[in-house]
Amino acid sequence: MDLRTKKLVVIDGNAILHRAYHALPPLTDPKGEVVNAVYGFFSMLLNLLQNQKPDYLAVCFDRSKPTIRQSMYVGYHAHRPQMADDFVSQIARVDYILEKMAIKPFFVDGFEADDVIGTIATLVQRARNKEQGIETIVVTGDRDLLQLVNEHTKVLMLITGITKTVLFDEKAVEGKYGVTPKQFIDYKALIGDQSDGYPGVAGIGPKTAAILLQKYQTFENLYEHVGELSERQGLQLATDAEQAALAKKLATIICDIPMQFNIEKCKASDFDLAGLEKAFEEFGFNSLKKRLLTVFPDLDERKKKKKDKVNKDQMSLL
């Protein structure tokens, strides 16, 4: 029996796509359509498969329907510019190649990819047993997901472009931000989030928020002891108490959304590499096609096994 800790890599698809779109020049496919985000997404995916060597892989996406946070706060994401047409069209192309690769993306209407990722990480952690552990690596550029970091879950954060990354465990989160992953929601409640479009407490920046949470541990305990603070800080917290409480709700990743997740359907060994190879040919991704043999030294053997399995399944239907 294989008792080693196995690895699940969970990709924040939207974060990777956005990063690739802005990092790479407007590459085009043989039809003349822009595919820089598609190319960057799969370049990053191959890097992950080669460097992380996951046993399981899940890819999560937002969808265009309104989310629960937009119903909480009308300004949530409202300041973000409308996605460019040549970016929107690439989302469907990524879905197409993932389908050719036999990867089914995860998404749930009304929720963000963060919530899907949080739920998957929670379900996997609950399913751990004494015989076999599963380590979860979340790949993203969104620091909100640092709140998920624990003994069994780490975050591989994109820092610049689509190649430079930093792996955050509990110690690294505290070293970088001065708060633990469990405190990260309270930290966001105090400082707000400019990228998501919601304020925290005016005048409370990252350094002050970290100092306050180091002393008072939680957002709620801080407010219970607000009388101990300086007059200026006490007034700041009291004035913006309502919007800070809302910020905490907006920052909290929902880890129990209604969704089905079977990790056995996410096996990296089940990838259709022949399908991926053909898709790369179709889009003119010749350099990515060449990399397949480096990432999968047993490429030909795996393609043959997949073909034999398909033939066997087809015969069983006759």
C-alpha atoms as a PDB file:
ATOM      1  CA  MET A   1       0.000   0.000   0.000  1.00  0.00           C
ATOM      2  CA  ASP A   2       1.278   3.484  -0.898  1.00  0.00           C
ATOM      3  CA  LEU A   3       1.392   5.375   2.394  1.00  0.00           C
ATOM      4  CA  ARG A   4       3.083   8.527   1.115  1.00  0.00           C
ATOM      5  CA  THR A   5       1.387  11.887   1.329  1.00  0.00           C
ATOM      6  CA  LYS A   6      -0.245  12.589  -2.012  1.00  0.00           C
ATOM      7  CA  LYS A   7      -0.606  16.021  -3.522  1.00  0.00           C
ATOM      8  CA  LEU A   8      -3.627  17.876  -4.880  1.00  0.00           C
ATOM      9  CA  VAL A   9      -2.933  21.051  -6.855  1.00  0.00           C
ATOM     10  CA  VAL A  10      -5.911  23.413  -7.088  1.00  0.00           C
ATOM     11  CA  ILE A  11      -5.605  26.173  -9.682  1.00  0.00           C
ATOM     12  CA  ASP A  12      -7.358  29.534  -9.451  1.00  0.00           C
ATOM     13  CA  GLY A  13      -8.123  29.628 -13.162  1.00  0.00           C
ATOM     14  CA  ASN A  14      -9.210  33.250 -13.362  1.00  0.00           C
ATOM     15  CA  ALA A  15      -6.101  34.468 -11.535  1.00  0.00           C
ATOM     16  CA  ILE A  16      -3.819  32.537 -13.880  1.00  0.00           C
ATOM     17  CA  LEU A  17      -5.675  33.722 -16.976  1.00  0.00           C
ATOM     18  CA  HIS A  18      -5.600  37.381 -15.949  1.00  0.00           C
ATOM     19  CA  ARG A  19      -1.926  37.162 -15.065  1.00  0.00           C
ATOM     20  CA  ALA A  20      -1.083  35.552 -18.414  1.00  0.00           C
ATOM     21  CA  TYR A  21      -3.187  38.050 -20.375  1.00  0.00           C
ATOM     22  CA  HIS A  22      -1.340  41.031 -18.907  1.00  0.00           C
ATOM     23  CA  ALA A  23       2.115  39.423 -18.825  1.00  0.00           C
ATOM     24  CA  LEU A  24       2.368  38.204 -22.420  1.00  0.00           C
ATOM     25  CA  PRO A  25       2.206  40.038 -25.749  1.00  0.00           C
ATOM     26  CA  PRO A  26      -0.956  39.542 -27.877  1.00  0.00           C
ATOM     27  CA  LEU A  27      -0.019  36.190 -29.448  1.00  0.00           C
ATOM     28  CA  THR A  28      -2.322  34.878 -32.162  1.00  0.00           C
ATOM     29  CA  ASP A  29      -3.295  31.392 -33.314  1.00  0.00           C
ATOM     30  CA  PRO A  30      -3.332  30.209 -36.967  1.00  0.00           C
ATOM     31  CA  LYS A  31      -6.780  31.808 -37.364  1.00  0.00           C
ATOM     32  CA  GLY A  32      -5.445  35.179 -36.259  1.00  0.00           C
ATOM     33  CA  GLU A  33      -7.294  35.159 -32.927  1.00  0.00           C
ATOM     34  CA  VAL A  34      -5.579  36.408 -29.767  1.00  0.00           C
ATOM     35  CA  VAL A  35      -4.519  33.539 -27.508  1.00  0.00           C
ATOM     36  CA  ASN A  36      -1.838  35.004 -25.221  1.00  0.00           C
ATOM     37  CA  ALA A  37      -3.837  34.209 -22.042  1.00  0.00           C
ATOM     38  CA  VAL A  38      -4.523  30.669 -23.294  1.00  0.00           C
ATOM     39  CA  TYR A  39      -0.845  30.112 -24.060  1.00  0.00           C
ATOM     40  CA  GLY A  40       0.217  31.525 -20.697  1.00  0.00           C
ATOM     41  CA  PHE A  41      -2.355  29.452 -18.828  1.00  0.00           C
ATOM     42  CA  PHE A  42      -1.123  26.186 -20.286  1.00  0.00           C
ATOM     43  CA  SER A  43       2.519  27.186 -20.017  1.00  0.00           C
ATOM     44  CA  MET A  44       1.912  27.722 -16.290  1.00  0.00           C
ATOM     45  CA  LEU A  45       0.008  24.442 -16.088  1.00  0.00           C
ATOM     46  CA  LEU A  46       2.930  22.533 -17.602  1.00  0.00           C
ATOM     47  CA  ASN A  47       5.295  24.238 -15.139  1.00  0.00           C
ATOM     48  CA  LEU A  48       3.109  23.102 -12.259  1.00  0.00           C
ATOM     49  CA  LEU A  49       2.857  19.546 -13.522  1.00  0.00           C
ATOM     50  CA  GLN A  50       6.619  19.375 -13.961  1.00  0.00           C
ATOM     51  CA  ASN A  51       7.631  21.054 -10.689  1.00  0.00           C
ATOM     52  CA  GLN A  52       4.858  19.997  -8.314  1.00  0.00           C
ATOM     53  CA  LYS A  53       4.179  16.529  -9.770  1.00  0.00           C
ATOM     54  CA  PRO A  54       0.635  16.395  -8.389  1.00  0.00           C
ATOM     55  CA  ASP A  55      -1.299  13.181  -7.965  1.00  0.00           C
ATOM     56  CA  TYR A  56      -4.523  15.133  -8.433  1.00  0.00           C
ATOM     57  CA  LEU A  57      -5.406  18.395 -10.195  1.00  0.00           C
ATOM     58  CA  ALA A  58      -8.474  20.641  -9.985  1.00  0.00           C
ATOM     59  CA  VAL A  59      -9.058  23.861 -11.935  1.00  0.00           C
ATOM     60  CA  CYS A  60     -11.592  26.377 -10.586  1.00  0.00           C
ATOM     61  CA  PHE A  61     -13.207  29.369 -12.271  1.00  0.00           C
ATOM     62  CA  ASP A  62     -15.529  32.275 -11.608  1.00  0.00           C
ATOM     63  CA  ARG A  63     -18.539  32.531 -13.836  1.00  0.00           C
ATOM     64  CA  SER A  64     -20.268  35.655 -15.128  1.00  0.00           C
ATOM     65  CA  LYS A  65     -23.420  35.392 -13.000  1.00  0.00           C
ATOM     66  CA  PRO A  66     -23.765  37.737  -9.971  1.00  0.00           C
ATOM     67  CA  THR A  67     -22.190  36.424  -6.781  1.00  0.00           C
ATOM     68  CA  ILE A  68     -23.334  36.404  -3.176  1.00  0.00           C
ATOM     69  CA  ARG A  69     -20.842  39.177  -2.337  1.00  0.00           C
ATOM     70  CA  GLN A  70     -22.318  41.492  -4.944  1.00  0.00           C
ATOM     71  CA  SER A  71     -25.668  41.098  -3.181  1.00  0.00           C
ATOM     72  CA  MET A  72     -23.982  42.023   0.133  1.00  0.00           C
ATOM     73  CA  TYR A  73     -22.261  45.145  -1.192  1.00  0.00           C
ATOM     74  CA  VAL A  74     -23.122  46.953  -4.391  1.00  0.00           C
ATOM     75  CA  GLY A  75     -19.591  48.312  -4.722  1.00  0.00           C
ATOM     76  CA  TYR A  76     -17.977  44.881  -4.734  1.00  0.00           C
ATOM     77  CA  HIS A  77     -15.873  44.650  -7.934  1.00  0.00           C
ATOM     78  CA  ALA A  78     -17.933  47.558  -9.318  1.00  0.00           C
ATOM     79  CA  HIS A  79     -14.834  49.659 -10.014  1.00  0.00           C
ATOM     80  CA  ARG A  80     -13.181  46.994 -12.148  1.00  0.00           C
ATOM     81  CA  PRO A  81     -13.115  47.778 -15.860  1.00  0.00           C
ATOM     82  CA  GLN A  82     -15.156  45.604 -18.184  1.00  0.00           C
ATOM     83  CA  MET A  83     -13.169  42.653 -19.480  1.00  0.00           C
ATOM     84  CA  ALA A  84     -11.755  43.184 -22.964  1.00  0.00           C
ATOM     85  CA  ASP A  85     -13.399  41.169 -25.734  1.00  0.00           C
ATOM     86  CA  ASP A  86     -10.126  39.485 -26.653  1.00  0.00           C
ATOM     87  CA  PHE A  87      -9.822  38.301 -23.051  1.00  0.00           C
ATOM     88  CA  VAL A  88     -13.387  37.014 -22.690  1.00  0.00           C
ATOM     89  CA  SER A  89     -13.066  34.963 -25.880  1.00  0.00           C
ATOM     90  CA  GLN A  90     -10.011  33.198 -24.464  1.00  0.00           C
ATOM     91  CA  ILE A  91     -11.914  31.788 -21.474  1.00  0.00           C
ATOM     92  CA  ALA A  92     -13.882  29.509 -23.800  1.00  0.00           C
ATOM     93  CA  ARG A  93     -10.656  28.416 -25.507  1.00  0.00           C
ATOM     94  CA  VAL A  94      -9.149  27.403 -22.177  1.00  0.00           C
ATOM     95  CA  ASP A  95     -12.311  25.409 -21.409  1.00  0.00           C
ATOM     96  CA  TYR A  96     -12.001  23.757 -24.826  1.00  0.00           C
ATOM     97  CA  ILE A  97      -8.407  22.634 -24.281  1.00  0.00           C
ATOM     98  CA  LEU A  98      -9.141  21.447 -20.734  1.00  0.00           C
ATOM     99  CA  GLU A  99     -11.961  19.339 -22.158  1.00  0.00           C
ATOM    100  CA  LYS A 100      -9.560  17.852 -24.729  1.00  0.00           C
ATOM    101  CA  MET A 101      -7.215  17.099 -21.849  1.00  0.00           C
ATOM    102  CA  ALA A 102     -10.066  15.370 -19.955  1.00  0.00           C
ATOM    103  CA  ILE A 103     -10.126  17.950 -17.166  1.00  0.00           C
ATOM    104  CA  LYS A 104     -13.524  19.171 -16.020  1.00  0.00           C
ATOM    105  CA  PRO A 105     -13.316  22.652 -14.447  1.00  0.00           C
ATOM    106  CA  PHE A 106     -15.121  23.367 -11.191  1.00  0.00           C
ATOM    107  CA  PHE A 107     -17.441  26.359 -10.777  1.00  0.00           C
ATOM    108  CA  VAL A 108     -20.683  27.104  -8.938  1.00  0.00           C
ATOM    109  CA  ASP A 109     -23.108  29.834  -9.987  1.00  0.00           C
ATOM    110  CA  GLY A 110     -23.400  32.593  -7.401  1.00  0.00           C
ATOM    111  CA  PHE A 111     -19.989  31.909  -5.879  1.00  0.00           C
ATOM    112  CA  GLU A 112     -16.437  32.897  -6.726  1.00  0.00           C
ATOM    113  CA  ALA A 113     -13.568  30.585  -7.581  1.00  0.00           C
ATOM    114  CA  ASP A 114     -12.182  31.391  -4.109  1.00  0.00           C
ATOM    115  CA  ASP A 115     -15.235  29.748  -2.532  1.00  0.00           C
ATOM    116  CA  VAL A 116     -14.955  26.701  -4.781  1.00  0.00           C
ATOM    117  CA  ILE A 117     -11.276  26.380  -3.889  1.00  0.00           C
ATOM    118  CA  GLY A 118     -11.992  26.819  -0.184  1.00  0.00           C
ATOM    119  CA  THR A 119     -14.705  24.183  -0.276  1.00  0.00           C
ATOM    120  CA  ILE A 120     -12.501  21.698  -2.132  1.00  0.00           C
ATOM    121  CA  ALA A 121      -9.626  22.236   0.329  1.00  0.00           C
ATOM    122  CA  THR A 122     -12.014  21.756   3.256  1.00  0.00           C
ATOM    123  CA  LEU A 123     -13.611  18.611   1.820  1.00  0.00           C
ATOM    124  CA  VAL A 124     -10.196  17.090   1.124  1.00  0.00           C
ATOM    125  CA  GLN A 125      -8.979  17.893   4.611  1.00  0.00           C
ATOM    126  CA  ARG A 126     -12.073  16.322   6.190  1.00  0.00           C
ATOM    127  CA  ALA A 127     -11.558  13.190   4.123  1.00  0.00           C
ATOM    128  CA  ARG A 128      -7.977  12.676   5.328  1.00  0.00           C
ATOM    129  CA  ASN A 129      -7.316   9.371   7.051  1.00  0.00           C
ATOM    130  CA  LYS A 130      -4.495   7.687   8.947  1.00  0.00           C
ATOM    131  CA  GLU A 131      -3.407   5.556   6.005  1.00  0.00           C
ATOM    132  CA  GLN A 132      -2.970   8.320   3.450  1.00  0.00           C
ATOM    133  CA  GLY A 133      -2.634  12.068   3.750  1.00  0.00           C
ATOM    134  CA  ILE A 134      -3.306  14.597   1.019  1.00  0.00           C
ATOM    135  CA  GLU A 135      -1.456  17.889   0.806  1.00  0.00           C
ATOM    136  CA  THR A 136      -3.280  20.674  -1.026  1.00  0.00           C
ATOM    137  CA  ILE A 137      -1.380  23.344  -2.986  1.00  0.00           C
ATOM    138  CA  VAL A 138      -3.528  26.289  -4.100  1.00  0.00           C
ATOM    139  CA  VAL A 139      -2.087  28.203  -7.072  1.00  0.00           C
ATOM    140  CA  THR A 140      -3.245  31.803  -7.316  1.00  0.00           C
ATOM    141  CA  GLY A 141      -2.286  35.457  -7.450  1.00  0.00           C
ATOM    142  CA  ASP A 142      -5.020  36.420  -4.974  1.00  0.00           C
ATOM    143  CA  ARG A 143      -3.791  36.853  -1.420  1.00  0.00           C
ATOM    144  CA  ASP A 144      -7.307  36.375  -0.014  1.00  0.00           C
ATOM    145  CA  LEU A 145      -6.636  32.654  -0.348  1.00  0.00           C
ATOM    146  CA  LEU A 146      -3.880  32.876   2.276  1.00  0.00           C
ATOM    147  CA  GLN A 147      -6.627  32.458   4.869  1.00  0.00           C
ATOM    148  CA  LEU A 148      -6.871  28.811   3.770  1.00  0.00           C
ATOM    149  CA  VAL A 149      -3.268  28.024   4.729  1.00  0.00           C
ATOM    150  CA  ASN A 150      -2.909  25.426   7.468  1.00  0.00           C
ATOM    151  CA  GLU A 151      -0.947  22.287   8.274  1.00  0.00           C
ATOM    152  CA  HIS A 152      -2.272  20.518   5.174  1.00  0.00           C
ATOM    153  CA  THR A 153      -2.882  23.418   2.752  1.00  0.00           C
ATOM    154  CA  LYS A 154      -0.317  25.794   1.239  1.00  0.00           C
ATOM    155  CA  VAL A 155      -0.629  28.605  -1.289  1.00  0.00           C
ATOM    156  CA  LEU A 156       1.714  28.941  -4.267  1.00  0.00           C
ATOM    157  CA  MET A 157       1.441  32.671  -4.952  1.00  0.00           C
ATOM    158  CA  LEU A 158       2.214  34.213  -8.328  1.00  0.00           C
ATOM    159  CA  ILE A 159       4.445  37.214  -7.705  1.00  0.00           C
ATOM    160  CA  THR A 160       5.433  38.504 -11.153  1.00  0.00           C
ATOM    161  CA  GLY A 161       4.410  37.270 -14.578  1.00  0.00           C
ATOM    162  CA  ILE A 162       3.550  33.578 -14.772  1.00  0.00           C
ATOM    163  CA  THR A 163       6.853  32.099 -13.619  1.00  0.00           C
ATOM    164  CA  LYS A 164       7.970  33.719 -10.339  1.00  0.00           C
ATOM    165  CA  THR A 165       6.148  32.198  -7.380  1.00  0.00           C
ATOM    166  CA  VAL A 166       6.430  31.994  -3.597  1.00  0.00           C
ATOM    167  CA  LEU A 167       5.099  29.084  -1.539  1.00  0.00           C
ATOM    168  CA  PHE A 168       3.257  30.217   1.584  1.00  0.00           C
ATOM    169  CA  ASP A 169       2.909  27.932   4.577  1.00  0.00           C
ATOM    170  CA  GLU A 170       1.735  29.174   7.990  1.00  0.00           C
ATOM    171  CA  LYS A 171       5.163  30.493   8.959  1.00  0.00           C
ATOM    172  CA  ALA A 172       5.606  32.347   5.652  1.00  0.00           C
ATOM    173  CA  VAL A 173       2.206  34.076   5.946  1.00  0.00           C
ATOM    174  CA  GLU A 174       3.028  35.329   9.431  1.00  0.00           C
ATOM    175  CA  GLY A 175       6.510  36.395   8.344  1.00  0.00           C
ATOM    176  CA  LYS A 176       5.172  38.409   5.406  1.00  0.00           C
ATOM    177  CA  TYR A 177       2.045  39.996   6.901  1.00  0.00           C
ATOM    178  CA  GLY A 178       2.549  39.831  10.673  1.00  0.00           C
ATOM    179  CA  VAL A 179      -0.655  37.821  11.163  1.00  0.00           C
ATOM    180  CA  THR A 180      -1.493  34.134  11.072  1.00  0.00           C
ATOM    181  CA  PRO A 181      -3.619  32.668   8.269  1.00  0.00           C
ATOM    182  CA  LYS A 182      -6.542  32.429  10.725  1.00  0.00           C
ATOM    183  CA  GLN A 183      -6.196  36.169  11.380  1.00  0.00           C
ATOM    184  CA  PHE A 184      -6.003  37.084   7.708  1.00  0.00           C
ATOM    185  CA  ILE A 185      -9.774  37.672   7.436  1.00  0.00           C
ATOM    186  CA  ASP A 186      -9.659  40.086  10.390  1.00  0.00           C
ATOM    187  CA  TYR A 187      -6.614  41.749   8.828  1.00  0.00           C
ATOM    188  CA  LYS A 188      -8.605  42.335   5.612  1.00  0.00           C
ATOM    189  CA  ALA A 189     -11.555  43.617   7.662  1.00  0.00           C
ATOM    190  CA  LEU A 190      -9.339  46.359   9.079  1.00  0.00           C
ATOM    191  CA  ILE A 191      -7.440  47.371   5.939  1.00  0.00           C
ATOM    192  CA  GLY A 192     -10.139  46.669   3.320  1.00  0.00           C
ATOM    193  CA  ASP A 193      -9.325  45.609  -0.224  1.00  0.00           C
ATOM    194  CA  GLN A 194      -8.830  48.177  -2.953  1.00  0.00           C
ATOM    195  CA  SER A 195      -8.752  45.558  -5.716  1.00  0.00           C
ATOM    196  CA  ASP A 196     -12.122  44.137  -4.658  1.00  0.00           C
ATOM    197  CA  GLY A 197     -13.533  47.623  -4.069  1.00  0.00           C
ATOM    198  CA  TYR A 198     -14.447  47.627  -0.388  1.00  0.00           C
ATOM    199  CA  PRO A 199     -13.043  49.773   2.446  1.00  0.00           C
ATOM    200  CA  GLY A 200     -11.940  48.718   5.911  1.00  0.00           C
ATOM    201  CA  VAL A 201     -11.204  51.202   8.677  1.00  0.00           C
ATOM    202  CA  ALA A 202     -10.005  54.557   7.376  1.00  0.00           C
ATOM    203  CA  GLY A 203      -6.515  55.319   8.648  1.00  0.00           C
ATOM    204  CA  ILE A 204      -5.695  51.715   9.572  1.00  0.00           C
ATOM    205  CA  GLY A 205      -3.011  50.366   7.265  1.00  0.00           C
ATOM    206  CA  PRO A 206      -1.381  46.937   7.047  1.00  0.00           C
ATOM    207  CA  LYS A 207       1.307  47.617   9.676  1.00  0.00           C
ATOM    208  CA  THR A 208      -1.150  48.995  12.252  1.00  0.00           C
ATOM    209  CA  ALA A 209      -3.655  46.218  11.563  1.00  0.00           C
ATOM    210  CA  ALA A 210      -0.976  43.576  12.170  1.00  0.00           C
ATOM    211  CA  ILE A 211       0.131  45.229  15.446  1.00  0.00           C
ATOM    212  CA  LEU A 212      -3.471  45.423  16.694  1.00  0.00           C
ATOM    213  CA  LEU A 213      -4.178  41.780  15.860  1.00  0.00           C
ATOM    214  CA  GLN A 214      -0.928  40.625  17.429  1.00  0.00           C
ATOM    215  CA  LYS A 215      -2.126  42.206  20.680  1.00  0.00           C
ATOM    216  CA  TYR A 216      -5.875  41.506  20.554  1.00  0.00           C
ATOM    217  CA  GLN A 217      -5.865  38.338  18.396  1.00  0.00           C
ATOM    218  CA  THR A 218      -9.292  38.796  16.762  1.00  0.00           C
ATOM    219  CA  PHE A 219     -11.397  41.502  15.178  1.00  0.00           C
ATOM    220  CA  GLU A 220     -14.136  40.990  17.776  1.00  0.00           C
ATOM    221  CA  ASN A 221     -11.755  41.127  20.733  1.00  0.00           C
ATOM    222  CA  LEU A 222     -10.185  44.285  19.339  1.00  0.00           C
ATOM    223  CA  TYR A 223     -13.578  46.005  19.326  1.00  0.00           C
ATOM    224  CA  GLU A 224     -14.308  44.776  22.854  1.00  0.00           C
ATOM    225  CA  HIS A 225     -11.139  46.553  24.015  1.00  0.00           C
ATOM    226  CA  VAL A 226     -11.401  49.616  21.808  1.00  0.00           C
ATOM    227  CA  GLY A 227     -11.404  51.788  24.948  1.00  0.00           C
ATOM    228  CA  GLU A 228      -7.791  50.789  25.600  1.00  0.00           C
ATOM    229  CA  LEU A 229      -6.606  52.338  22.343  1.00  0.00           C
ATOM    230  CA  SER A 230      -5.511  55.879  21.703  1.00  0.00           C
ATOM    231  CA  GLU A 231      -8.283  58.378  21.196  1.00  0.00           C
ATOM    232  CA  ARG A 232      -7.435  58.609  17.493  1.00  0.00           C
ATOM    233  CA  GLN A 233      -7.458  54.846  16.851  1.00  0.00           C
ATOM    234  CA  GLY A 234     -10.542  54.337  18.978  1.00  0.00           C
ATOM    235  CA  LEU A 235     -12.413  56.977  16.982  1.00  0.00           C
ATOM    236  CA  GLN A 236     -11.260  55.452  13.683  1.00  0.00           C
ATOM    237  CA  LEU A 237     -12.493  51.990  14.677  1.00  0.00           C
ATOM    238  CA  ALA A 238     -15.777  53.283  16.109  1.00  0.00           C
ATOM    239  CA  THR A 239     -16.528  55.449  13.068  1.00  0.00           C
ATOM    240  CA  ASP A 240     -16.001  52.640  10.561  1.00  0.00           C
ATOM    241  CA  ALA A 241     -17.224  49.705  12.655  1.00  0.00           C
ATOM    242  CA  GLU A 242     -20.116  48.894  10.344  1.00  0.00           C
ATOM    243  CA  GLN A 243     -18.113  48.913   7.134  1.00  0.00           C
ATOM    244  CA  ALA A 244     -15.306  46.932   8.806  1.00  0.00           C
ATOM    245  CA  ALA A 245     -17.815  44.251   9.841  1.00  0.00           C
ATOM    246  CA  LEU A 246     -19.053  44.140   6.248  1.00  0.00           C
ATOM    247  CA  ALA A 247     -15.469  43.934   4.989  1.00  0.00           C
ATOM    248  CA  LYS A 248     -14.942  40.867   7.165  1.00  0.00           C
ATOM    249  CA  LYS A 249     -17.955  39.157   5.593  1.00  0.00           C
ATOM    250  CA  LEU A 250     -16.744  40.034   2.096  1.00  0.00           C
ATOM    251  CA  ALA A 251     -13.212  38.810   2.833  1.00  0.00           C
ATOM    252  CA  THR A 252     -14.332  35.477   4.271  1.00  0.00           C
ATOM    253  CA  ILE A 253     -14.032  32.592   1.825  1.00  0.00           C
ATOM    254  CA  ILE A 254     -17.078  30.332   1.978  1.00  0.00           C
ATOM    255  CA  CYS A 255     -15.831  26.792   2.532  1.00  0.00           C
ATOM    256  CA  ASP A 256     -19.114  24.899   2.535  1.00  0.00           C
ATOM    257  CA  ILE A 257     -20.832  25.799  -0.724  1.00  0.00           C
ATOM    258  CA  PRO A 258     -23.167  23.156  -2.206  1.00  0.00           C
ATOM    259  CA  MET A 259     -21.036  21.194  -4.666  1.00  0.00           C
ATOM    260  CA  GLN A 260     -19.888  17.680  -5.399  1.00  0.00           C
ATOM    261  CA  PHE A 261     -16.193  16.849  -5.388  1.00  0.00           C
ATOM    262  CA  ASN A 262     -14.717  13.417  -6.005  1.00  0.00           C
ATOM    263  CA  ILE A 263     -10.941  13.593  -5.859  1.00  0.00           C
ATOM    264  CA  GLU A 264     -10.619  10.262  -7.672  1.00  0.00           C
ATOM    265  CA  LYS A 265     -11.998  11.981 -10.776  1.00  0.00           C
ATOM    266  CA  CYS A 266      -9.102  14.453 -10.634  1.00  0.00           C
ATOM    267  CA  LYS A 267      -6.246  11.990 -11.069  1.00  0.00           C
ATOM    268  CA  ALA A 268      -3.322  13.426 -13.000  1.00  0.00           C
ATOM    269  CA  SER A 269      -2.723   9.941 -14.392  1.00  0.00           C
ATOM    270  CA  ASP A 270      -6.043  10.192 -16.251  1.00  0.00           C
ATOM    271  CA  PHE A 271      -5.114  13.189 -18.411  1.00  0.00           C
ATOM    272  CA  ASP A 272      -5.749  12.702 -22.117  1.00  0.00           C
ATOM    273  CA  LEU A 273      -2.316  13.723 -23.366  1.00  0.00           C
ATOM    274  CA  ALA A 274      -3.100  12.851 -26.971  1.00  0.00           C
ATOM    275  CA  GLY A 275      -6.054  15.232 -26.803  1.00  0.00           C
ATOM    276  CA  LEU A 276      -3.862  17.931 -25.263  1.00  0.00           C
ATOM    277  CA  GLU A 277      -1.220  17.420 -27.950  1.00  0.00           C
ATOM    278  CA  LYS A 278      -3.797  17.808 -30.723  1.00  0.00           C
ATOM    279  CA  ALA A 279      -5.192  20.949 -29.100  1.00  0.00           C
ATOM    280  CA  PHE A 280      -1.721  22.480 -28.931  1.00  0.00           C
ATOM    281  CA  GLU A 281      -1.290  21.694 -32.633  1.00  0.00           C
ATOM    282  CA  GLU A 282      -4.643  23.304 -33.418  1.00  0.00           C
ATOM    283  CA  PHE A 283      -3.699  26.534 -31.649  1.00  0.00           C
ATOM    284  CA  GLY A 284      -0.147  26.598 -32.987  1.00  0.00           C
ATOM    285  CA  PHE A 285       1.394  26.127 -29.544  1.00  0.00           C
ATOM    286  CA  ASN A 286       4.411  24.278 -30.951  1.00  0.00           C
ATOM    287  CA  SER A 287       6.744  25.143 -28.069  1.00  0.00           C
ATOM    288  CA  LEU A 288       4.194  23.817 -25.548  1.00  0.00           C
ATOM    289  CA  LYS A 289       3.805  20.633 -27.584  1.00  0.00           C
ATOM    290  CA  LYS A 290       7.581  20.104 -27.479  1.00  0.00           C
ATOM    291  CA  ARG A 291       7.549  20.543 -23.704  1.00  0.00           C
ATOM    292  CA  LEU A 292       5.083  17.692 -23.226  1.00  0.00           C
ATOM    293  CA  LEU A 293       7.794  15.063 -23.480  1.00  0.00           C
ATOM    294  CA  THR A 294       9.845  16.888 -20.828  1.00  0.00           C
ATOM    295  CA  VAL A 295       6.874  17.100 -18.464  1.00  0.00           C
ATOM    296  CA  PHE A 296       5.710  13.563 -19.265  1.00  0.00           C
ATOM    297  CA  PRO A 297       8.754  11.379 -20.096  1.00  0.00           C
ATOM    298  CA  ASP A 298       6.336   8.459 -20.472  1.00  0.00           C
ATOM    299  CA  LEU A 299       4.201  10.433 -22.919  1.00  0.00           C
ATOM    300  CA  ASP A 300       3.937   7.747 -25.618  1.00  0.00           C
ATOM    301  CA  GLU A 301       3.183   5.019 -23.082  1.00  0.00           C
ATOM    302  CA  ARG A 302       0.465   7.100 -21.428  1.00  0.00           C
ATOM    303  CA  LYS A 303      -1.091   7.971 -24.777  1.00  0.00           C
ATOM    304  CA  LYS A 304      -1.187   4.273 -25.680  1.00  0.00           C
ATOM    305  CA  LYS A 305      -2.781   3.297 -22.357  1.00  0.00           C
ATOM    306  CA  LYS A 306      -5.418   6.004 -22.776  1.00  0.00           C
ATOM    307  CA  LYS A 307      -6.184   4.840 -26.323  1.00  0.00           C
ATOM    308  CA  ASP A 308      -6.437   1.202 -25.201  1.00  0.00           C
ATOM    309  CA  LYS A 309      -8.798   2.187 -22.392  1.00  0.00           C
ATOM    310  CA  VAL A 310     -11.043   4.147 -24.762  1.00  0.00           C
ATOM    311  CA  ASN A 311     -11.154   1.207 -27.169  1.00  0.00           C
ATOM    312  CA  LYS A 312     -11.978  -1.174 -24.329  1.00  0.00           C
ATOM    313  CA  ASP A 313     -14.776   1.103 -23.092  1.00  0.00           C
ATOM    314  CA  GLN A 314     -16.201   1.373 -26.580  1.00  0.00           C
ATOM    315  CA  MET A 315     -16.130  -2.423 -27.031  1.00  0.00           C
ATOM    316  CA  SER A 316     -17.953  -2.886 -23.718  1.00  0.00           C
ATOM    317  CA  LEU A 317     -20.855  -0.851 -25.104  1.00  0.00           C
ATOM    318  CA  LEU A 318     -21.331  -3.167 -28.063  1.00  0.00           C
END
